[in-house]
Amino acid sequence: KRLKVSESRGLQSKFNLGTEEDKPRYHVSVVDSGIPKAEQSIRCGVFVVPQGREHEWSFSDTEGQIQIAEGNKIGRLIVVSMGRGHEFGSMDEIQQELGPSMLPLAPASMPPNEKIPYFGIGEDVGSRVIVKEASSSFSGKYVIEDVDIEDDAGRNQKYRRLIFLDSPNTIQSEARLSFKQRAPNSKPKKKKNGKKSKSHRGVEKNVQCSVDFKFLAFELHRAIVSSLCLVPQLYESNKDVKKILLIGLGGGGLSMYIGSQCSWLGTLSMDIVEIDDTIVSVSKEWFNFRESERMNVHVADGIDFLKTTNERYDAVILDVDSKDNSSAVRAPPPAFLDTKMISHISDGILKPGGALLINLVSFLPS
């Protein structure tokens, strides 16, 4: 039987396919473009999203999926992304596996003998390796995964990501990995606790893997760093110690970039507040984050820290998400946006001429 819906523009169905041990093998969305049948080039098509790219707006958001359909004059587009914790073969093998499940999703008006074409980004199905799967008492279940993504220049790059499974299509932290040959007869360095540094699975033993701190994965982090240039007192005098407060550590990529790459700030001191001690451990073990005399981590609630600290800062950065996925404002939590708290930061935390930088994620219409 075919999926009986109106074929009007919008999302028609969304479901998981082939769930094993609470891990769906495929995530399926069915959208209709609303293009009149006479103007359609393709009645129905299946788009297979490469592993590691399922979070991108075009593939995860209904409007993005519809735009793909509209741009290719497809009447109905079935968007399929691959679930974590499973192995996948070639595009041909995936097509053969999906075939029987895709036929019933075709429009009821489509002739039964008409074939459904499959699309993707070339023949690339992506690569994803889960290197750690665990749970935090505060943040819930999470995974750390390494993915291969082709950049704009066509070069294959490897990235390490932290994903909270209550928001599986949202990347909490991301870092680009770099690799270099080890010196002959050298062994992996051990940390202070005696454990060897974590490596990238599938990499030869004589290749050393590390996080590239010269790279910022998120545009919002690039915007934050650029915004620091708008605070004159941060760069006008290199004699004074500049103080920055960052609420939200994640993988530590933003703090490590500011500490290692922003030499124009002069002598810098950073306080970083992270509510989840598990995430602090993750940042050190898997993302190469390092504390120092001028980069201190405080395991505390960000609001409590702001209310009790006696320090004054040249810049305060709020880069913390809300755990309430039902809220229209996903970052920061509402308490940080309270007018009294904003006034407290302005009058009691920032030095004169200092700046408050906020990573604001809002789905409100205005």
Foldseek 3Di string as FASTA:
>chain_A
DAQDDDLAFWWDDWDFDDDDPNWGFKTKTKGFLRPPPVQAPAAEAEEEEAPPCCLDCLNPPGVSVSVVCVVRRYGMYMYMYGIPPDDDDWPVRVCVVCVVVCLNHGYPPDDSPDDHYYHYDPRHNWDKDFPDWDAFPPLGTKTWMKIWDQDPVRDTWIKIFIARVVCRSDTQAMFTKDKDFADPPDAADADPVRHGADDDPPDDRRMDIATDLCDDPDPLLVVVVVVVVVQCVQQVDLPDEAEEEEEDQQLNSSVSNCVPPVCSSHHYAYEYEAQTVVRVVCSVRPHVDDADPRYYYDRHDPLVCLVPDQEAHQEYEYDDFDSPPVAQKGPDPVVCVPPVNVVCCVPRHYDVSHYYHTDTHGNDPD
